[in-house]
């Protein structure tokens, strides 16, 4: 997030995973509305699959984007751990 130029204060002092997901959802919503350029930069940095992005339901796009981003980041952590051994 920092590399994409996004303020991460909203994610500070998170108590549990559910709260992290909710705050991240809020961050995505905020970026979509107020900082579309920062949001595009974030998507580029995260390297989301374009096919998945194209298949998003516009009714629930913030939630779907939140899930996709978190899944991709977890995938990256998994691969780093797996291949660093």
PDB file of N, CA and C in Angstrom:
ATOM      1  N   UNK A   1       0.822  -1.202   0.000  1.00  0.00           N
ATOM      2  CA  UNK A   1       0.000   0.000   0.000  1.00  0.00           C
ATOM      3  C   UNK A   1       0.862   1.260   0.000  1.00  0.00           C
ATOM      4  N   UNK A   2       1.890   1.226   0.801  1.00  0.00           N
ATOM      5  CA  UNK A   2       2.774   2.392   0.892  1.00  0.00           C
ATOM      6  C   UNK A   2       3.453   2.649  -0.447  1.00  0.00           C
ATOM      7  N   UNK A   3       3.883   1.571  -1.128  1.00  0.00           N
ATOM      8  CA  UNK A   3       4.532   1.734  -2.436  1.00  0.00           C
ATOM      9  C   UNK A   3       3.589   2.332  -3.472  1.00  0.00           C
ATOM     10  N   UNK A   4       2.282   2.133  -3.271  1.00  0.00           N
ATOM     11  CA  UNK A   4       1.294   2.692  -4.194  1.00  0.00           C
ATOM     12  C   UNK A   4       0.906   4.110  -3.787  1.00  0.00           C
ATOM     13  N   UNK A   5       1.534   4.649  -2.728  1.00  0.00           N
ATOM     14  CA  UNK A   5       1.259   6.006  -2.295  1.00  0.00           C
ATOM     15  C   UNK A   5      -0.034   6.148  -1.521  1.00  0.00           C
ATOM     16  N   UNK A   6      -0.432   5.084  -0.809  1.00  0.00           N
ATOM     17  CA  UNK A   6      -1.700   5.088  -0.096  1.00  0.00           C
ATOM     18  C   UNK A   6      -1.446   5.168   1.404  1.00  0.00           C
ATOM     19  N   UNK A   7      -2.153   6.064   2.066  1.00  0.00           N
ATOM     20  CA  UNK A   7      -2.049   6.231   3.512  1.00  0.00           C
ATOM     21  C   UNK A   7      -2.637   5.010   4.202  1.00  0.00           C
ATOM     22  N   UNK A   8      -1.879   4.387   5.059  1.00  0.00           N
ATOM     23  CA  UNK A   8      -2.313   3.148   5.714  1.00  0.00           C
ATOM     24  C   UNK A   8      -2.784   3.353   7.148  1.00  0.00           C
ATOM     25  N   UNK A   9      -3.009   4.584   7.557  1.00  0.00           N
ATOM     26  CA  UNK A   9      -3.449   4.848   8.937  1.00  0.00           C
ATOM     27  C   UNK A   9      -4.718   4.099   9.303  1.00  0.00           C
ATOM     28  N   UNK A  10      -5.607   3.911   8.339  1.00  0.00           N
ATOM     29  CA  UNK A  10      -6.878   3.244   8.613  1.00  0.00           C
ATOM     30  C   UNK A  10      -6.667   1.787   9.050  1.00  0.00           C
ATOM     31  N   UNK A  11      -5.510   1.217   8.728  1.00  0.00           N
ATOM     32  CA  UNK A  11      -5.241  -0.175   9.068  1.00  0.00           C
ATOM     33  C   UNK A  11      -4.480  -0.334  10.382  1.00  0.00           C
ATOM     34  N   UNK A  12      -4.192   0.782  11.047  1.00  0.00           N
ATOM     35  CA  UNK A  12      -3.464   0.728  12.306  1.00  0.00           C
ATOM     36  C   UNK A  12      -4.361   0.200  13.420  1.00  0.00           C
ATOM     37  N   UNK A  13      -3.755  -0.422  14.392  1.00  0.00           N
ATOM     38  CA  UNK A  13      -4.410  -0.951  15.599  1.00  0.00           C
ATOM     39  C   UNK A  13      -5.595  -1.872  15.293  1.00  0.00           C
ATOM     40  N   UNK A  14      -5.429  -2.716  14.310  1.00  0.00           N
ATOM     41  CA  UNK A  14      -6.459  -3.704  13.985  1.00  0.00           C
ATOM     42  C   UNK A  14      -6.404  -4.807  15.030  1.00  0.00           C
ATOM     43  N   UNK A  15      -7.572  -5.199  15.542  1.00  0.00           N
ATOM     44  CA  UNK A  15      -7.637  -6.174  16.624  1.00  0.00           C
ATOM     45  C   UNK A  15      -7.718  -7.623  16.150  1.00  0.00           C
ATOM     46  N   UNK A  16      -8.345  -7.855  14.987  1.00  0.00           N
ATOM     47  CA  UNK A  16      -8.509  -9.227  14.516  1.00  0.00           C
ATOM     48  C   UNK A  16      -8.672  -9.234  12.991  1.00  0.00           C
ATOM     49  N   UNK A  17      -8.763 -10.426  12.429  1.00  0.00           N
ATOM     50  CA  UNK A  17      -8.846 -10.562  10.972  1.00  0.00           C
ATOM     51  C   UNK A  17     -10.120  -9.945  10.405  1.00  0.00           C
ATOM     52  N   UNK A  18     -11.224 -10.121  11.116  1.00  0.00           N
ATOM     53  CA  UNK A  18     -12.495  -9.570  10.643  1.00  0.00           C
ATOM     54  C   UNK A  18     -12.424  -8.043  10.549  1.00  0.00           C
ATOM     55  N   UNK A  19     -11.822  -7.436  11.535  1.00  0.00           N
ATOM     56  CA  UNK A  19     -11.673  -5.980  11.536  1.00  0.00           C
ATOM     57  C   UNK A  19     -10.711  -5.536  10.424  1.00  0.00           C
ATOM     58  N   UNK A  20      -9.674  -6.308  10.187  1.00  0.00           N
ATOM     59  CA  UNK A  20      -8.742  -5.993   9.111  1.00  0.00           C
ATOM     60  C   UNK A  20      -9.460  -5.985   7.765  1.00  0.00           C
ATOM     61  N   UNK A  21     -10.265  -7.010   7.512  1.00  0.00           N
ATOM     62  CA  UNK A  21     -11.006  -7.086   6.252  1.00  0.00           C
ATOM     63  C   UNK A  21     -11.960  -5.909   6.127  1.00  0.00           C
ATOM     64  N   UNK A  22     -12.659  -5.567   7.206  1.00  0.00           N
ATOM     65  CA  UNK A  22     -13.605  -4.447   7.168  1.00  0.00           C
ATOM     66  C   UNK A  22     -12.885  -3.131   6.904  1.00  0.00           C
ATOM     67  N   UNK A  23     -11.778  -2.906   7.583  1.00  0.00           N
ATOM     68  CA  UNK A  23     -11.039  -1.649   7.368  1.00  0.00           C
ATOM     69  C   UNK A  23     -10.449  -1.590   5.964  1.00  0.00           C
ATOM     70  N   UNK A  24      -9.997  -2.724   5.473  1.00  0.00           N
ATOM     71  CA  UNK A  24      -9.475  -2.749   4.114  1.00  0.00           C
ATOM     72  C   UNK A  24     -10.593  -2.451   3.117  1.00  0.00           C
ATOM     73  N   UNK A  25     -11.779  -2.989   3.376  1.00  0.00           N
ATOM     74  CA  UNK A  25     -12.958  -2.683   2.554  1.00  0.00           C
ATOM     75  C   UNK A  25     -13.206  -1.176   2.540  1.00  0.00           C
ATOM     76  N   UNK A  26     -13.140  -0.541   3.706  1.00  0.00           N
ATOM     77  CA  UNK A  26     -13.331   0.908   3.794  1.00  0.00           C
ATOM     78  C   UNK A  26     -12.279   1.651   2.976  1.00  0.00           C
ATOM     79  N   UNK A  27     -11.048   1.173   3.043  1.00  0.00           N
ATOM     80  CA  UNK A  27      -9.964   1.793   2.290  1.00  0.00           C
ATOM     81  C   UNK A  27     -10.218   1.687   0.788  1.00  0.00           C
ATOM     82  N   UNK A  28     -10.631   0.517   0.326  1.00  0.00           N
ATOM     83  CA  UNK A  28     -10.931   0.322  -1.098  1.00  0.00           C
ATOM     84  C   UNK A  28     -12.062   1.250  -1.530  1.00  0.00           C
ATOM     85  N   UNK A  29     -13.092   1.320  -0.727  1.00  0.00           N
ATOM     86  CA  UNK A  29     -14.231   2.196  -1.034  1.00  0.00           C
ATOM     87  C   UNK A  29     -13.789   3.654  -1.127  1.00  0.00           C
ATOM     88  N   UNK A  30     -12.981   4.077  -0.182  1.00  0.00           N
ATOM     89  CA  UNK A  30     -12.466   5.451  -0.163  1.00  0.00           C
ATOM     90  C   UNK A  30     -11.627   5.742  -1.414  1.00  0.00           C
ATOM     91  N   UNK A  31     -10.766   4.812  -1.773  1.00  0.00           N
ATOM     92  CA  UNK A  31      -9.927   5.005  -2.954  1.00  0.00           C
ATOM     93  C   UNK A  31     -10.754   5.068  -4.227  1.00  0.00           C
ATOM     94  N   UNK A  32     -11.721   4.199  -4.360  1.00  0.00           N
ATOM     95  CA  UNK A  32     -12.567   4.195  -5.561  1.00  0.00           C
ATOM     96  C   UNK A  32     -13.285   5.528  -5.744  1.00  0.00           C
ATOM     97  N   UNK A  33     -13.733   6.097  -4.646  1.00  0.00           N
ATOM     98  CA  UNK A  33     -14.514   7.335  -4.712  1.00  0.00           C
ATOM     99  C   UNK A  33     -13.629   8.571  -4.841  1.00  0.00           C
ATOM    100  N   UNK A  34     -12.573   8.640  -4.020  1.00  0.00           N
ATOM    101  CA  UNK A  34     -11.814   9.886  -3.907  1.00  0.00           C
ATOM    102  C   UNK A  34     -10.433   9.881  -4.567  1.00  0.00           C
ATOM    103  N   UNK A  35      -9.889   8.704  -4.835  1.00  0.00           N
ATOM    104  CA  UNK A  35      -8.529   8.645  -5.393  1.00  0.00           C
ATOM    105  C   UNK A  35      -8.404   7.541  -6.437  1.00  0.00           C
ATOM    106  N   UNK A  36      -9.136   7.661  -7.533  1.00  0.00           N
ATOM    107  CA  UNK A  36      -9.087   6.585  -8.531  1.00  0.00           C
ATOM    108  C   UNK A  36      -7.683   6.335  -9.093  1.00  0.00           C
ATOM    109  N   UNK A  37      -6.855   7.358  -9.193  1.00  0.00           N
ATOM    110  CA  UNK A  37      -5.487   7.156  -9.686  1.00  0.00           C
ATOM    111  C   UNK A  37      -4.660   6.321  -8.720  1.00  0.00           C
ATOM    112  N   UNK A  38      -4.795   6.585  -7.427  1.00  0.00           N
ATOM    113  CA  UNK A  38      -4.101   5.788  -6.416  1.00  0.00           C
ATOM    114  C   UNK A  38      -4.605   4.355  -6.437  1.00  0.00           C
ATOM    115  N   UNK A  39      -5.894   4.200  -6.677  1.00  0.00           N
ATOM    116  CA  UNK A  39      -6.463   2.864  -6.737  1.00  0.00           C
ATOM    117  C   UNK A  39      -5.901   2.086  -7.933  1.00  0.00           C
ATOM    118  N   UNK A  40      -5.804   2.731  -9.071  1.00  0.00           N
ATOM    119  CA  UNK A  40      -5.231   2.086 -10.252  1.00  0.00           C
ATOM    120  C   UNK A  40      -3.773   1.694 -10.003  1.00  0.00           C
ATOM    121  N   UNK A  41      -3.051   2.571  -9.346  1.00  0.00           N
ATOM    122  CA  UNK A  41      -1.661   2.283  -9.003  1.00  0.00           C
ATOM    123  C   UNK A  41      -1.583   1.070  -8.075  1.00  0.00           C
ATOM    124  N   UNK A  42      -2.493   0.992  -7.130  1.00  0.00           N
ATOM    125  CA  UNK A  42      -2.544  -0.151  -6.214  1.00  0.00           C
ATOM    126  C   UNK A  42      -2.797  -1.447  -6.978  1.00  0.00           C
ATOM    127  N   UNK A  43      -3.762  -1.443  -7.872  1.00  0.00           N
ATOM    128  CA  UNK A  43      -4.062  -2.646  -8.654  1.00  0.00           C
ATOM    129  C   UNK A  43      -2.855  -3.083  -9.480  1.00  0.00           C
ATOM    130  N   UNK A  44      -2.152  -2.126 -10.032  1.00  0.00           N
ATOM    131  CA  UNK A  44      -0.959  -2.443 -10.812  1.00  0.00           C
ATOM    132  C   UNK A  44       0.104  -3.094  -9.922  1.00  0.00           C
ATOM    133  N   UNK A  45       0.334  -2.522  -8.766  1.00  0.00           N
ATOM    134  CA  UNK A  45       1.352  -3.039  -7.844  1.00  0.00           C
ATOM    135  C   UNK A  45       0.998  -4.423  -7.325  1.00  0.00           C
ATOM    136  N   UNK A  46      -0.278  -4.656  -7.086  1.00  0.00           N
ATOM    137  CA  UNK A  46      -0.719  -5.950  -6.554  1.00  0.00           C
ATOM    138  C   UNK A  46      -0.689  -7.021  -7.634  1.00  0.00           C
ATOM    139  N   UNK A  47      -0.859  -6.632  -8.874  1.00  0.00           N
ATOM    140  CA  UNK A  47      -0.814  -7.545 -10.011  1.00  0.00           C
ATOM    141  C   UNK A  47      -1.989  -8.520  -9.990  1.00  0.00           C
ATOM    142  N   UNK A  48      -3.181  -7.956  -9.967  1.00  0.00           N
ATOM    143  CA  UNK A  48      -4.388  -8.784 -10.006  1.00  0.00           C
ATOM    144  C   UNK A  48      -4.626  -9.299 -11.413  1.00  0.00           C
ATOM    145  N   UNK A  49      -5.197 -10.479 -11.493  1.00  0.00           N
ATOM    146  CA  UNK A  49      -5.547 -11.098 -12.772  1.00  0.00           C
ATOM    147  C   UNK A  49      -6.635 -10.265 -13.452  1.00  0.00           C
ATOM    148  N   UNK A  50      -6.367  -9.810 -14.663  1.00  0.00           N
ATOM    149  CA  UNK A  50      -7.325  -8.949 -15.371  1.00  0.00           C
ATOM    150  C   UNK A  50      -8.639  -9.665 -15.667  1.00  0.00           C
ATOM    151  N   UNK A  51      -8.589 -10.963 -15.891  1.00  0.00           N
ATOM    152  CA  UNK A  51      -9.818 -11.722 -16.128  1.00  0.00           C
ATOM    153  C   UNK A  51     -10.725 -11.679 -14.909  1.00  0.00           C
ATOM    154  N   UNK A  52     -10.122 -11.758 -13.740  1.00  0.00           N
ATOM    155  CA  UNK A  52     -10.913 -11.673 -12.510  1.00  0.00           C
ATOM    156  C   UNK A  52     -11.500 -10.279 -12.346  1.00  0.00           C
ATOM    157  N   UNK A  53     -10.726  -9.269 -12.683  1.00  0.00           N
ATOM    158  CA  UNK A  53     -11.228  -7.894 -12.586  1.00  0.00           C
ATOM    159  C   UNK A  53     -12.388  -7.659 -13.544  1.00  0.00           C
ATOM    160  N   UNK A  54     -12.294  -8.211 -14.731  1.00  0.00           N
ATOM    161  CA  UNK A  54     -13.347  -8.035 -15.731  1.00  0.00           C
ATOM    162  C   UNK A  54     -14.648  -8.738 -15.339  1.00  0.00           C
ATOM    163  N   UNK A  55     -14.549  -9.757 -14.508  1.00  0.00           N
ATOM    164  CA  UNK A  55     -15.740 -10.526 -14.147  1.00  0.00           C
ATOM    165  C   UNK A  55     -16.423 -10.031 -12.874  1.00  0.00           C
ATOM    166  N   UNK A  56     -15.993  -8.900 -12.346  1.00  0.00           N
ATOM    167  CA  UNK A  56     -16.579  -8.390 -11.105  1.00  0.00           C
ATOM    168  C   UNK A  56     -18.011  -7.907 -11.316  1.00  0.00           C
ATOM    169  N   UNK A  57     -18.817  -8.105 -10.294  1.00  0.00           N
ATOM    170  CA  UNK A  57     -20.205  -7.653 -10.282  1.00  0.00           C
ATOM    171  C   UNK A  57     -20.225  -6.204  -9.797  1.00  0.00           C
ATOM    172  N   UNK A  58     -20.699  -5.296 -10.606  1.00  0.00           N
ATOM    173  CA  UNK A  58     -20.649  -3.871 -10.247  1.00  0.00           C
ATOM    174  C   UNK A  58     -21.479  -3.530  -9.014  1.00  0.00           C
ATOM    175  N   UNK A  59     -22.437  -4.380  -8.660  1.00  0.00           N
ATOM    176  CA  UNK A  59     -23.249  -4.121  -7.474  1.00  0.00           C
ATOM    177  C   UNK A  59     -22.443  -4.233  -6.188  1.00  0.00           C
ATOM    178  N   UNK A  60     -21.495  -5.148  -6.169  1.00  0.00           N
ATOM    179  CA  UNK A  60     -20.710  -5.423  -4.963  1.00  0.00           C
ATOM    180  C   UNK A  60     -19.217  -5.273  -5.223  1.00  0.00           C
ATOM    181  N   UNK A  61     -18.874  -4.338  -6.055  1.00  0.00           N
ATOM    182  CA  UNK A  61     -17.492  -4.246  -6.529  1.00  0.00           C
ATOM    183  C   UNK A  61     -16.490  -3.976  -5.402  1.00  0.00           C
ATOM    184  N   UNK A  62     -16.831  -3.145  -4.429  1.00  0.00           N
ATOM    185  CA  UNK A  62     -15.887  -2.866  -3.346  1.00  0.00           C
ATOM    186  C   UNK A  62     -15.569  -4.139  -2.570  1.00  0.00           C
ATOM    187  N   UNK A  63     -16.603  -4.909  -2.250  1.00  0.00           N
ATOM    188  CA  UNK A  63     -16.383  -6.144  -1.504  1.00  0.00           C
ATOM    189  C   UNK A  63     -15.585  -7.142  -2.344  1.00  0.00           C
ATOM    190  N   UNK A  64     -15.930  -7.298  -3.596  1.00  0.00           N
ATOM    191  CA  UNK A  64     -15.227  -8.247  -4.460  1.00  0.00           C
ATOM    192  C   UNK A  64     -13.765  -7.845  -4.652  1.00  0.00           C
ATOM    193  N   UNK A  65     -13.513  -6.568  -4.805  1.00  0.00           N
ATOM    194  CA  UNK A  65     -12.132  -6.094  -4.928  1.00  0.00           C
ATOM    195  C   UNK A  65     -11.350  -6.350  -3.643  1.00  0.00           C
ATOM    196  N   UNK A  66     -11.983  -6.120  -2.516  1.00  0.00           N
ATOM    197  CA  UNK A  66     -11.338  -6.376  -1.229  1.00  0.00           C
ATOM    198  C   UNK A  66     -10.914  -7.832  -1.134  1.00  0.00           C
ATOM    199  N   UNK A  67     -11.811  -8.729  -1.472  1.00  0.00           N
ATOM    200  CA  UNK A  67     -11.522 -10.162  -1.407  1.00  0.00           C
ATOM    201  C   UNK A  67     -10.415 -10.535  -2.386  1.00  0.00           C
ATOM    202  N   UNK A  68     -10.502 -10.058  -3.617  1.00  0.00           N
ATOM    203  CA  UNK A  68      -9.479 -10.369  -4.617  1.00  0.00           C
ATOM    204  C   UNK A  68      -8.091  -9.880  -4.197  1.00  0.00           C
ATOM    205  N   UNK A  69      -8.022  -8.674  -3.678  1.00  0.00           N
ATOM    206  CA  UNK A  69      -6.742  -8.104  -3.265  1.00  0.00           C
ATOM    207  C   UNK A  69      -6.159  -8.896  -2.103  1.00  0.00           C
ATOM    208  N   UNK A  70      -6.979  -9.199  -1.115  1.00  0.00           N
ATOM    209  CA  UNK A  70      -6.488  -9.951   0.037  1.00  0.00           C
ATOM    210  C   UNK A  70      -6.070 -11.366  -0.369  1.00  0.00           C
ATOM    211  N   UNK A  71      -6.818 -11.995  -1.248  1.00  0.00           N
ATOM    212  CA  UNK A  71      -6.444 -13.329  -1.739  1.00  0.00           C
ATOM    213  C   UNK A  71      -5.107 -13.279  -2.472  1.00  0.00           C
ATOM    214  N   UNK A  72      -4.928 -12.281  -3.296  1.00  0.00           N
ATOM    215  CA  UNK A  72      -3.684 -12.157  -4.065  1.00  0.00           C
ATOM    216  C   UNK A  72      -2.493 -11.922  -3.139  1.00  0.00           C
ATOM    217  N   UNK A  73      -2.678 -11.086  -2.148  1.00  0.00           N
ATOM    218  CA  UNK A  73      -1.590 -10.822  -1.206  1.00  0.00           C
ATOM    219  C   UNK A  73      -1.247 -12.070  -0.399  1.00  0.00           C
ATOM    220  N   UNK A  74      -2.252 -12.829   0.003  1.00  0.00           N
ATOM    221  CA  UNK A  74      -1.993 -14.089   0.711  1.00  0.00           C
ATOM    222  C   UNK A  74      -1.275 -15.087  -0.194  1.00  0.00           C
ATOM    223  N   UNK A  75      -1.658 -15.101  -1.449  1.00  0.00           N
ATOM    224  CA  UNK A  75      -1.009 -15.976  -2.421  1.00  0.00           C
ATOM    225  C   UNK A  75       0.473 -15.624  -2.548  1.00  0.00           C
ATOM    226  N   UNK A  76       0.775 -14.332  -2.592  1.00  0.00           N
ATOM    227  CA  UNK A  76       2.167 -13.905  -2.697  1.00  0.00           C
ATOM    228  C   UNK A  76       2.970 -14.328  -1.471  1.00  0.00           C
ATOM    229  N   UNK A  77       2.382 -14.197  -0.295  1.00  0.00           N
ATOM    230  CA  UNK A  77       3.059 -14.605   0.940  1.00  0.00           C
ATOM    231  C   UNK A  77       3.325 -16.109   0.908  1.00  0.00           C
ATOM    232  N   UNK A  78       2.331 -16.875   0.497  1.00  0.00           N
ATOM    233  CA  UNK A  78       2.478 -18.325   0.413  1.00  0.00           C
ATOM    234  C   UNK A  78       3.635 -18.708  -0.515  1.00  0.00           C
ATOM    235  N   UNK A  79       3.661 -18.117  -1.715  1.00  0.00           N
ATOM    236  CA  UNK A  79       4.711 -18.455  -2.667  1.00  0.00           C
ATOM    237  C   UNK A  79       6.093 -18.015  -2.187  1.00  0.00           C
ATOM    238  N   UNK A  80       6.163 -16.876  -1.537  1.00  0.00           N
ATOM    239  CA  UNK A  80       7.461 -16.434  -1.003  1.00  0.00           C
ATOM    240  C   UNK A  80       7.985 -17.429   0.028  1.00  0.00           C
ATOM    241  N   UNK A  81       7.080 -17.858   0.918  1.00  0.00           N
ATOM    242  CA  UNK A  81       7.493 -18.825   1.942  1.00  0.00           C
ATOM    243  C   UNK A  81       7.882 -20.156   1.314  1.00  0.00           C
ATOM    244  N   UNK A  82       7.085 -20.595   0.385  1.00  0.00           N
ATOM    245  CA  UNK A  82       7.307 -21.901  -0.237  1.00  0.00           C
ATOM    246  C   UNK A  82       8.634 -21.952  -0.983  1.00  0.00           C
ATOM    247  N   UNK A  83       8.943 -20.905  -1.723  1.00  0.00           N
ATOM    248  CA  UNK A  83      10.120 -20.920  -2.569  1.00  0.00           C
ATOM    249  C   UNK A  83      11.366 -20.316  -1.905  1.00  0.00           C
ATOM    250  N   UNK A  84      11.242 -19.838  -0.692  1.00  0.00           N
ATOM    251  CA  UNK A  84      12.424 -19.308   0.001  1.00  0.00           C
ATOM    252  C   UNK A  84      13.132 -20.400   0.788  1.00  0.00           C
ATOM    253  N   UNK A  85      12.525 -21.546   0.859  1.00  0.00           N
ATOM    254  CA  UNK A  85      13.120 -22.661   1.642  1.00  0.00           C
ATOM    255  C   UNK A  85      14.073 -23.485   0.809  1.00  0.00           C
TER     256      UNK A  85
END
